[in-house]
Amino acid sequence: MRSVLRAGKVISFDPAQGLGVIVPCGGEEHVPFQTEAVRFVDVVAEGQMVIYAIERADAAVRAVEVRPA
């Protein structure tokens, strides 16, 4: 199930592995994402502000529809 769009900052991204982590603007739990979730650009950079939705599956949470803010 997807949530509403949120804002956050990319705190790490490894293009070789295709994995990254976003810290929400509210200081909530860090949210992982995969390269396949990035929209409108080819890649995001550490420190970049992004907008994203959260998808929950079982006990795991991940960011989807990650796009530049």
N, C-alpha and C. Protein backbone atom coordinates (compact mmCIF):
# COMPACT_ATOMS: atom_id res chain seq x y z
N MET A 1 0.84 -1.18 0.00
CA MET A 1 0.00 0.00 0.00
C MET A 1 0.88 1.24 0.00
N ARG A 2 0.59 2.19 -0.88
CA ARG A 2 1.38 3.41 -0.99
C ARG A 2 0.78 4.54 -0.17
N SER A 3 1.67 5.43 0.28
CA SER A 3 1.24 6.56 1.09
C SER A 3 1.24 7.83 0.25
N VAL A 4 0.90 8.93 0.88
CA VAL A 4 0.97 10.23 0.22
C VAL A 4 2.43 10.60 -0.01
N LEU A 5 2.66 11.58 -0.87
CA LEU A 5 4.03 12.00 -1.14
C LEU A 5 4.64 12.69 0.07
N ARG A 6 5.92 12.44 0.28
CA ARG A 6 6.67 13.03 1.39
C ARG A 6 7.92 13.68 0.85
N ALA A 7 8.56 14.52 1.67
CA ALA A 7 9.82 15.15 1.28
C ALA A 7 10.94 14.61 2.16
N GLY A 8 12.13 14.55 1.58
CA GLY A 8 13.28 14.08 2.34
C GLY A 8 14.57 14.37 1.60
N LYS A 9 15.68 13.90 2.17
CA LYS A 9 16.99 14.13 1.57
C LYS A 9 17.71 12.79 1.41
N VAL A 10 18.35 12.60 0.26
CA VAL A 10 19.13 11.39 0.03
C VAL A 10 20.39 11.49 0.89
N ILE A 11 20.57 10.51 1.80
CA ILE A 11 21.77 10.56 2.65
C ILE A 11 22.84 9.59 2.17
N SER A 12 22.45 8.63 1.36
CA SER A 12 23.45 7.76 0.74
C SER A 12 22.86 7.18 -0.53
N PHE A 13 23.73 6.95 -1.52
CA PHE A 13 23.31 6.33 -2.77
C PHE A 13 24.52 5.68 -3.41
N ASP A 14 24.40 4.40 -3.72
CA ASP A 14 25.45 3.65 -4.38
C ASP A 14 24.93 3.22 -5.75
N PRO A 15 25.31 3.96 -6.82
CA PRO A 15 24.80 3.63 -8.15
C PRO A 15 25.22 2.24 -8.63
N ALA A 16 26.37 1.75 -8.18
CA ALA A 16 26.83 0.43 -8.59
C ALA A 16 25.88 -0.66 -8.08
N GLN A 17 25.40 -0.51 -6.86
CA GLN A 17 24.47 -1.48 -6.28
C GLN A 17 23.02 -1.12 -6.55
N GLY A 18 22.77 0.15 -6.92
CA GLY A 18 21.41 0.59 -7.18
C GLY A 18 20.58 0.77 -5.93
N LEU A 19 21.25 1.07 -4.81
CA LEU A 19 20.55 1.23 -3.54
C LEU A 19 20.85 2.57 -2.89
N GLY A 20 19.86 3.13 -2.21
CA GLY A 20 20.05 4.39 -1.51
C GLY A 20 19.17 4.46 -0.27
N VAL A 21 19.38 5.55 0.49
CA VAL A 21 18.62 5.77 1.71
C VAL A 21 18.20 7.23 1.76
N ILE A 22 16.96 7.46 2.14
CA ILE A 22 16.40 8.81 2.30
C ILE A 22 16.10 9.03 3.77
N VAL A 23 16.41 10.23 4.27
CA VAL A 23 15.98 10.62 5.61
C VAL A 23 14.83 11.62 5.42
N PRO A 24 13.67 11.33 5.97
CA PRO A 24 12.52 12.22 5.84
C PRO A 24 12.76 13.57 6.51
N CYS A 25 12.12 14.61 6.01
CA CYS A 25 12.26 15.95 6.59
C CYS A 25 11.78 16.00 8.04
N GLY A 26 10.91 15.13 8.45
CA GLY A 26 10.41 15.12 9.82
C GLY A 26 11.31 14.37 10.78
N GLY A 27 12.46 13.87 10.31
CA GLY A 27 13.38 13.15 11.17
C GLY A 27 12.90 11.75 11.53
N GLU A 28 11.98 11.23 10.73
CA GLU A 28 11.46 9.89 10.99
C GLU A 28 12.49 8.84 10.59
N GLU A 29 12.07 7.60 10.59
CA GLU A 29 12.92 6.46 10.23
C GLU A 29 13.48 6.59 8.81
N HIS A 30 14.75 6.25 8.62
CA HIS A 30 15.36 6.26 7.29
C HIS A 30 14.64 5.28 6.39
N VAL A 31 14.53 5.65 5.10
CA VAL A 31 13.77 4.85 4.15
C VAL A 31 14.67 4.43 2.99
N PRO A 32 14.82 3.12 2.73
CA PRO A 32 15.64 2.67 1.61
C PRO A 32 14.88 2.82 0.28
N PHE A 33 15.65 2.91 -0.81
CA PHE A 33 15.05 2.90 -2.15
C PHE A 33 16.00 2.24 -3.12
N GLN A 34 15.46 1.83 -4.26
CA GLN A 34 16.25 1.22 -5.32
C GLN A 34 16.24 2.14 -6.54
N THR A 35 17.23 1.99 -7.41
CA THR A 35 17.33 2.82 -8.60
C THR A 35 16.05 2.79 -9.42
N GLU A 36 15.38 1.65 -9.48
CA GLU A 36 14.15 1.52 -10.26
C GLU A 36 13.05 2.46 -9.78
N ALA A 37 13.14 2.95 -8.55
CA ALA A 37 12.13 3.84 -7.99
C ALA A 37 12.32 5.30 -8.41
N VAL A 38 13.48 5.64 -8.98
CA VAL A 38 13.79 7.02 -9.33
C VAL A 38 13.05 7.40 -10.61
N ARG A 39 12.38 8.54 -10.59
CA ARG A 39 11.59 9.04 -11.72
C ARG A 39 12.11 10.40 -12.19
N PHE A 40 11.96 10.67 -13.48
CA PHE A 40 12.22 11.97 -14.11
C PHE A 40 13.70 12.33 -14.24
N VAL A 41 14.61 11.60 -13.61
CA VAL A 41 16.05 11.79 -13.78
C VAL A 41 16.69 10.41 -13.82
N ASP A 42 17.92 10.34 -14.31
CA ASP A 42 18.61 9.06 -14.38
C ASP A 42 19.18 8.63 -13.04
N VAL A 43 19.58 9.60 -12.23
CA VAL A 43 20.23 9.28 -10.97
C VAL A 43 19.99 10.42 -9.97
N VAL A 44 20.04 10.11 -8.69
CA VAL A 44 19.98 11.12 -7.64
C VAL A 44 21.33 11.14 -6.93
N ALA A 45 21.61 12.22 -6.24
CA ALA A 45 22.91 12.37 -5.57
C ALA A 45 22.72 12.52 -4.06
N GLU A 46 23.76 12.16 -3.33
CA GLU A 46 23.73 12.35 -1.88
C GLU A 46 23.54 13.83 -1.58
N GLY A 47 22.68 14.14 -0.64
CA GLY A 47 22.38 15.51 -0.27
C GLY A 47 21.24 16.12 -1.06
N GLN A 48 20.77 15.45 -2.09
CA GLN A 48 19.69 15.98 -2.93
C GLN A 48 18.35 15.84 -2.23
N MET A 49 17.53 16.88 -2.31
CA MET A 49 16.17 16.84 -1.77
C MET A 49 15.28 16.11 -2.78
N VAL A 50 14.42 15.25 -2.27
CA VAL A 50 13.54 14.46 -3.13
C VAL A 50 12.13 14.42 -2.54
N ILE A 51 11.19 14.07 -3.40
CA ILE A 51 9.81 13.79 -3.03
C ILE A 51 9.60 12.30 -3.31
N TYR A 52 8.89 11.60 -2.44
CA TYR A 52 8.72 10.16 -2.62
C TYR A 52 7.46 9.69 -1.91
N ALA A 53 7.04 8.50 -2.26
CA ALA A 53 5.95 7.82 -1.56
C ALA A 53 6.55 6.61 -0.86
N ILE A 54 5.85 6.11 0.14
CA ILE A 54 6.30 4.93 0.87
C ILE A 54 5.40 3.76 0.52
N GLU A 55 6.03 2.61 0.33
CA GLU A 55 5.29 1.38 0.09
C GLU A 55 5.63 0.41 1.21
N ARG A 56 4.60 -0.14 1.83
CA ARG A 56 4.81 -1.11 2.91
C ARG A 56 4.47 -2.50 2.39
N ALA A 57 5.39 -3.42 2.63
CA ALA A 57 5.17 -4.82 2.27
C ALA A 57 5.63 -5.66 3.45
N ASP A 58 4.73 -6.41 4.03
CA ASP A 58 5.02 -7.16 5.25
C ASP A 58 5.52 -6.17 6.31
N ALA A 59 6.68 -6.41 6.88
CA ALA A 59 7.22 -5.51 7.91
C ALA A 59 8.19 -4.51 7.31
N ALA A 60 8.48 -4.62 6.02
CA ALA A 60 9.46 -3.74 5.36
C ALA A 60 8.81 -2.49 4.80
N VAL A 61 9.60 -1.42 4.77
CA VAL A 61 9.16 -0.15 4.19
C VAL A 61 10.21 0.26 3.16
N ARG A 62 9.76 0.82 2.03
CA ARG A 62 10.70 1.32 1.02
C ARG A 62 10.10 2.52 0.32
N ALA A 63 10.97 3.36 -0.21
CA ALA A 63 10.52 4.53 -0.96
C ALA A 63 10.28 4.13 -2.42
N VAL A 64 9.21 4.66 -2.97
CA VAL A 64 8.87 4.44 -4.37
C VAL A 64 8.57 5.80 -4.99
N GLU A 65 8.60 5.86 -6.31
CA GLU A 65 8.34 7.11 -7.02
C GLU A 65 9.21 8.25 -6.50
N VAL A 66 10.49 8.00 -6.37
CA VAL A 66 11.44 9.00 -5.90
C VAL A 66 11.72 9.97 -7.03
N ARG A 67 11.54 11.26 -6.78
CA ARG A 67 11.75 12.29 -7.81
C ARG A 67 12.40 13.52 -7.20
N PRO A 68 13.13 14.31 -8.00
CA PRO A 68 13.75 15.53 -7.46
C PRO A 68 12.70 16.48 -6.90
N ALA A 69 13.04 17.16 -5.83
CA ALA A 69 12.12 18.12 -5.21
C ALA A 69 12.19 19.45 -5.93
